[in-house]
């Protein structure tokens, strides 16, 4: 019984060591009738840990970066009349990354 408890404890504590922290950053996307997509950095408690954002629209990386200051915006030409897939990934100062927006607009 003692060996079983030790094995279970080692498994549980080993698993807990691999869990990454989820950070809270808000990014929104809006699309106009002409297909222009506006992406806005809304900030969040962990915005001070951000080093950059990466934006993909329909699997293509645009040339317009999103600033790390709260309220920063960038615009990207999407397609009018059909949905665009927008993914925004945040890179943090420690090198970790997290998807902060994944939506169809």
N, C-alpha and C. Protein backbone atom coordinates (compact mmCIF):
# COMPACT_ATOMS: atom_id res chain seq x y z
N UNK A 1 0.81 -1.19 0.00
CA UNK A 1 0.00 0.00 0.00
C UNK A 1 0.87 1.27 0.00
N UNK A 2 1.94 1.23 0.75
CA UNK A 2 2.83 2.38 0.82
C UNK A 2 3.49 2.65 -0.54
N UNK A 3 3.86 1.59 -1.25
CA UNK A 3 4.48 1.75 -2.57
C UNK A 3 3.48 2.34 -3.54
N UNK A 4 2.24 1.88 -3.50
CA UNK A 4 1.19 2.42 -4.38
C UNK A 4 0.98 3.90 -4.12
N UNK A 5 0.96 4.29 -2.85
CA UNK A 5 0.79 5.71 -2.50
C UNK A 5 1.96 6.54 -3.03
N UNK A 6 3.17 6.01 -2.93
CA UNK A 6 4.35 6.72 -3.42
C UNK A 6 4.32 6.89 -4.93
N UNK A 7 3.89 5.85 -5.64
CA UNK A 7 3.79 5.91 -7.10
C UNK A 7 2.74 6.93 -7.52
N UNK A 8 1.60 6.91 -6.86
CA UNK A 8 0.53 7.87 -7.18
C UNK A 8 1.00 9.30 -6.89
N UNK A 9 1.65 9.52 -5.76
CA UNK A 9 2.13 10.86 -5.41
C UNK A 9 3.16 11.35 -6.43
N UNK A 10 4.07 10.47 -6.84
CA UNK A 10 5.08 10.86 -7.82
C UNK A 10 4.43 11.22 -9.14
N UNK A 11 3.41 10.49 -9.54
CA UNK A 11 2.71 10.77 -10.80
C UNK A 11 2.00 12.11 -10.73
N UNK A 12 1.26 12.33 -9.65
CA UNK A 12 0.49 13.57 -9.50
C UNK A 12 1.41 14.78 -9.43
N UNK A 13 2.46 14.72 -8.61
CA UNK A 13 3.36 15.87 -8.49
C UNK A 13 4.17 16.08 -9.75
N UNK A 14 4.49 15.03 -10.45
CA UNK A 14 5.19 15.15 -11.73
C UNK A 14 4.33 15.81 -12.77
N UNK A 15 3.06 15.50 -12.78
CA UNK A 15 2.12 16.11 -13.73
C UNK A 15 1.93 17.58 -13.41
N UNK A 16 1.84 17.93 -12.15
CA UNK A 16 1.60 19.32 -11.77
C UNK A 16 2.77 20.21 -12.16
N UNK A 17 3.97 19.67 -12.21
CA UNK A 17 5.14 20.46 -12.57
C UNK A 17 5.16 20.86 -14.04
N UNK A 18 4.38 20.18 -14.89
CA UNK A 18 4.38 20.46 -16.32
C UNK A 18 3.25 21.39 -16.75
N UNK A 19 2.41 21.80 -15.84
CA UNK A 19 1.27 22.66 -16.18
C UNK A 19 1.77 24.10 -16.32
N UNK A 20 1.47 24.72 -17.47
CA UNK A 20 1.91 26.10 -17.67
C UNK A 20 0.83 27.07 -17.18
N UNK A 21 1.27 28.24 -16.83
CA UNK A 21 0.37 29.27 -16.31
C UNK A 21 -0.37 29.94 -17.47
N UNK A 22 -1.67 30.07 -17.33
CA UNK A 22 -2.46 30.80 -18.32
C UNK A 22 -2.50 32.26 -17.90
N UNK A 23 -2.12 33.11 -18.82
CA UNK A 23 -2.09 34.54 -18.52
C UNK A 23 -3.33 35.20 -19.12
N UNK A 24 -3.68 36.35 -18.57
CA UNK A 24 -4.90 37.04 -18.98
C UNK A 24 -4.57 38.29 -19.80
N UNK A 25 -4.82 38.19 -21.11
CA UNK A 25 -4.63 39.30 -22.04
C UNK A 25 -5.89 39.35 -22.91
N UNK A 26 -6.42 40.53 -23.16
CA UNK A 26 -7.63 40.66 -23.99
C UNK A 26 -7.30 41.35 -25.31
N UNK A 27 -7.70 40.72 -26.40
CA UNK A 27 -7.55 41.27 -27.74
C UNK A 27 -8.89 41.08 -28.44
N UNK A 28 -9.37 42.12 -29.13
CA UNK A 28 -10.64 42.02 -29.84
C UNK A 28 -10.44 42.27 -31.33
N UNK A 29 -11.38 41.78 -32.12
CA UNK A 29 -11.35 42.01 -33.57
C UNK A 29 -12.75 42.39 -34.04
N UNK A 30 -12.82 43.40 -34.89
CA UNK A 30 -14.08 43.84 -35.50
C UNK A 30 -13.87 43.96 -36.99
N UNK A 31 -14.94 43.72 -37.74
CA UNK A 31 -14.84 43.77 -39.20
C UNK A 31 -15.90 44.72 -39.75
N UNK A 32 -15.47 45.59 -40.66
CA UNK A 32 -16.41 46.53 -41.28
C UNK A 32 -17.10 45.86 -42.47
N UNK A 33 -18.08 46.52 -43.02
CA UNK A 33 -18.80 45.99 -44.18
C UNK A 33 -17.90 45.86 -45.40
N UNK A 34 -16.83 46.65 -45.44
CA UNK A 34 -15.89 46.58 -46.57
C UNK A 34 -14.83 45.49 -46.40
N UNK A 35 -14.86 44.81 -45.25
CA UNK A 35 -13.91 43.73 -45.00
C UNK A 35 -12.69 44.15 -44.21
N UNK A 36 -12.61 45.41 -43.80
CA UNK A 36 -11.46 45.88 -43.02
C UNK A 36 -11.57 45.37 -41.59
N UNK A 37 -10.55 44.65 -41.13
CA UNK A 37 -10.53 44.06 -39.79
C UNK A 37 -9.66 44.95 -38.89
N UNK A 38 -10.23 45.36 -37.77
CA UNK A 38 -9.50 46.15 -36.78
C UNK A 38 -9.27 45.29 -35.55
N UNK A 39 -8.00 45.13 -35.18
CA UNK A 39 -7.63 44.33 -34.02
C UNK A 39 -7.12 45.29 -32.95
N UNK A 40 -7.64 45.14 -31.72
CA UNK A 40 -7.32 46.07 -30.64
C UNK A 40 -6.77 45.32 -29.43
N UNK A 41 -5.67 45.84 -28.88
CA UNK A 41 -5.11 45.33 -27.64
C UNK A 41 -5.90 45.97 -26.50
N UNK A 42 -6.68 45.15 -25.77
CA UNK A 42 -7.51 45.66 -24.68
C UNK A 42 -6.79 45.58 -23.32
N UNK A 43 -5.59 45.02 -23.30
CA UNK A 43 -4.82 44.93 -22.05
C UNK A 43 -5.20 43.73 -21.22
N UNK A 44 -5.00 43.82 -19.94
CA UNK A 44 -5.28 42.74 -19.00
C UNK A 44 -4.23 42.74 -17.90
N UNK A 45 -4.45 41.92 -16.88
CA UNK A 45 -3.53 41.90 -15.74
C UNK A 45 -2.09 41.53 -16.10
N UNK A 46 -1.90 40.75 -17.16
CA UNK A 46 -0.55 40.29 -17.52
C UNK A 46 0.05 41.03 -18.71
N UNK A 47 -0.49 42.19 -19.07
CA UNK A 47 -0.01 42.91 -20.24
C UNK A 47 1.45 43.35 -20.07
N UNK A 48 1.90 43.56 -18.86
CA UNK A 48 3.29 43.96 -18.61
C UNK A 48 4.30 42.88 -18.95
N UNK A 49 3.84 41.63 -19.08
CA UNK A 49 4.73 40.52 -19.41
C UNK A 49 4.84 40.28 -20.91
N UNK A 50 4.10 41.05 -21.73
CA UNK A 50 4.04 40.82 -23.18
C UNK A 50 5.24 41.45 -23.87
N UNK A 51 5.84 40.68 -24.80
CA UNK A 51 6.91 41.27 -25.61
C UNK A 51 6.44 41.53 -27.04
N UNK A 52 5.47 40.74 -27.55
CA UNK A 52 4.96 40.99 -28.91
C UNK A 52 3.69 40.19 -29.16
N UNK A 53 3.00 40.59 -30.23
CA UNK A 53 1.82 39.87 -30.71
C UNK A 53 2.08 39.41 -32.14
N UNK A 54 1.52 38.27 -32.49
CA UNK A 54 1.59 37.76 -33.85
C UNK A 54 0.15 37.58 -34.33
N UNK A 55 -0.14 38.08 -35.53
CA UNK A 55 -1.51 38.03 -36.05
C UNK A 55 -1.52 37.22 -37.34
N UNK A 56 -2.48 36.31 -37.44
CA UNK A 56 -2.71 35.57 -38.68
C UNK A 56 -4.18 35.73 -39.07
N UNK A 57 -4.40 36.07 -40.32
CA UNK A 57 -5.75 36.14 -40.86
C UNK A 57 -5.81 35.15 -42.02
N UNK A 58 -6.67 34.16 -41.90
CA UNK A 58 -6.80 33.11 -42.93
C UNK A 58 -5.45 32.48 -43.25
N UNK A 59 -4.66 32.18 -42.23
CA UNK A 59 -3.36 31.49 -42.32
C UNK A 59 -2.25 32.33 -42.94
N UNK A 60 -2.48 33.61 -43.18
CA UNK A 60 -1.43 34.48 -43.73
C UNK A 60 -1.03 35.50 -42.66
N UNK A 61 0.25 35.67 -42.44
CA UNK A 61 0.72 36.65 -41.46
C UNK A 61 0.75 38.04 -42.08
N UNK A 62 0.00 38.98 -41.54
CA UNK A 62 0.01 40.35 -42.09
C UNK A 62 1.27 41.10 -41.69
N UNK A 63 1.53 42.16 -42.39
CA UNK A 63 2.70 42.99 -42.11
C UNK A 63 2.44 44.02 -41.03
N UNK A 64 1.18 44.18 -40.62
CA UNK A 64 0.82 45.19 -39.63
C UNK A 64 0.90 44.60 -38.22
N UNK A 65 1.91 44.97 -37.42
CA UNK A 65 2.00 44.42 -36.06
C UNK A 65 1.02 45.12 -35.12
N UNK A 66 0.66 44.44 -34.05
CA UNK A 66 -0.16 45.03 -33.00
C UNK A 66 0.78 45.47 -31.88
N UNK A 67 0.64 46.72 -31.45
CA UNK A 67 1.50 47.25 -30.39
C UNK A 67 1.18 46.64 -29.04
N UNK A 68 2.15 46.69 -28.13
CA UNK A 68 1.94 46.11 -26.81
C UNK A 68 1.32 47.09 -25.82
N UNK A 69 1.15 48.34 -26.22
CA UNK A 69 0.48 49.31 -25.35
C UNK A 69 -1.02 49.11 -25.41
N UNK A 70 -1.66 49.19 -24.25
CA UNK A 70 -3.12 49.04 -24.18
C UNK A 70 -3.77 50.10 -25.06
N UNK A 71 -4.72 49.69 -25.88
CA UNK A 71 -5.40 50.59 -26.80
C UNK A 71 -4.80 50.58 -28.20
N UNK A 72 -3.66 49.93 -28.37
CA UNK A 72 -3.04 49.85 -29.70
C UNK A 72 -3.96 49.10 -30.65
N UNK A 73 -4.00 49.56 -31.91
CA UNK A 73 -4.81 48.89 -32.92
C UNK A 73 -3.99 48.67 -34.19
N UNK A 74 -4.44 47.74 -35.00
CA UNK A 74 -3.91 47.55 -36.33
C UNK A 74 -5.06 47.15 -37.23
N UNK A 75 -4.97 47.47 -38.49
CA UNK A 75 -6.02 47.11 -39.43
C UNK A 75 -5.46 46.22 -40.53
N UNK A 76 -6.29 45.28 -40.95
CA UNK A 76 -5.91 44.31 -41.96
C UNK A 76 -7.09 44.17 -42.92
N UNK A 77 -6.81 44.12 -44.19
CA UNK A 77 -7.89 43.95 -45.16
C UNK A 77 -8.29 42.47 -45.22
N UNK A 78 -9.51 42.19 -44.82
CA UNK A 78 -10.07 40.85 -44.94
C UNK A 78 -10.93 40.78 -46.19
N UNK A 79 -11.80 39.80 -46.24
CA UNK A 79 -12.69 39.67 -47.38
C UNK A 79 -14.09 40.10 -46.97
N UNK A 80 -14.71 40.93 -47.79
CA UNK A 80 -16.08 41.34 -47.49
C UNK A 80 -17.02 40.24 -47.98
N UNK A 81 -18.08 40.01 -47.22
CA UNK A 81 -19.07 39.02 -47.62
C UNK A 81 -18.80 37.61 -47.15
N UNK A 82 -17.60 37.32 -46.64
CA UNK A 82 -17.32 35.99 -46.09
C UNK A 82 -16.53 36.13 -44.81
N UNK A 83 -16.52 35.08 -44.02
CA UNK A 83 -15.84 35.13 -42.73
C UNK A 83 -14.33 34.96 -42.89
N UNK A 84 -13.61 35.65 -42.02
CA UNK A 84 -12.16 35.53 -41.94
C UNK A 84 -11.79 34.88 -40.60
N UNK A 85 -10.79 34.02 -40.62
CA UNK A 85 -10.29 33.38 -39.40
C UNK A 85 -9.14 34.22 -38.87
N UNK A 86 -9.32 34.77 -37.67
CA UNK A 86 -8.33 35.64 -37.05
C UNK A 86 -7.75 34.94 -35.82
N UNK A 87 -6.42 34.81 -35.80
CA UNK A 87 -5.73 34.22 -34.65
C UNK A 87 -4.65 35.21 -34.21
N UNK A 88 -4.68 35.57 -32.93
CA UNK A 88 -3.66 36.45 -32.36
C UNK A 88 -2.94 35.66 -31.27
N UNK A 89 -1.62 35.56 -31.41
CA UNK A 89 -0.78 34.87 -30.44
C UNK A 89 0.10 35.89 -29.75
N UNK A 90 0.23 35.73 -28.46
CA UNK A 90 1.03 36.64 -27.64
C UNK A 90 2.32 35.94 -27.25
N UNK A 91 3.45 36.61 -27.40
CA UNK A 91 4.73 36.10 -26.91
C UNK A 91 5.09 36.91 -25.67
N UNK A 92 5.46 36.20 -24.61
CA UNK A 92 5.78 36.85 -23.35
C UNK A 92 7.29 37.00 -23.20
N UNK A 93 7.70 37.82 -22.28
CA UNK A 93 9.12 38.12 -22.07
C UNK A 93 9.93 36.87 -21.69
N UNK A 94 9.26 35.85 -21.13
CA UNK A 94 9.97 34.62 -20.77
C UNK A 94 10.06 33.65 -21.95
N UNK A 95 9.56 34.06 -23.13
CA UNK A 95 9.63 33.24 -24.33
C UNK A 95 8.43 32.35 -24.55
N UNK A 96 7.55 32.23 -23.59
CA UNK A 96 6.35 31.41 -23.76
C UNK A 96 5.35 32.13 -24.65
N UNK A 97 4.44 31.35 -25.23
CA UNK A 97 3.41 31.91 -26.13
C UNK A 97 2.04 31.41 -25.71
N UNK A 98 1.03 32.20 -26.07
CA UNK A 98 -0.34 31.83 -25.77
C UNK A 98 -1.26 32.45 -26.81
N UNK A 99 -2.21 31.69 -27.30
CA UNK A 99 -3.22 32.24 -28.21
C UNK A 99 -4.19 33.06 -27.37
N UNK A 100 -4.37 34.34 -27.73
CA UNK A 100 -5.25 35.22 -26.97
C UNK A 100 -6.54 35.55 -27.72
N UNK A 101 -6.59 35.22 -29.01
CA UNK A 101 -7.81 35.41 -29.79
C UNK A 101 -7.81 34.40 -30.93
N UNK A 102 -8.91 33.68 -31.06
CA UNK A 102 -9.10 32.72 -32.15
C UNK A 102 -10.58 32.79 -32.51
N UNK A 103 -10.89 33.53 -33.59
CA UNK A 103 -12.29 33.76 -33.91
C UNK A 103 -12.50 33.86 -35.41
N UNK A 104 -13.75 33.68 -35.82
CA UNK A 104 -14.17 33.91 -37.19
C UNK A 104 -15.06 35.14 -37.19
N UNK A 105 -14.70 36.12 -38.03
CA UNK A 105 -15.54 37.33 -38.11
C UNK A 105 -15.84 37.63 -39.56
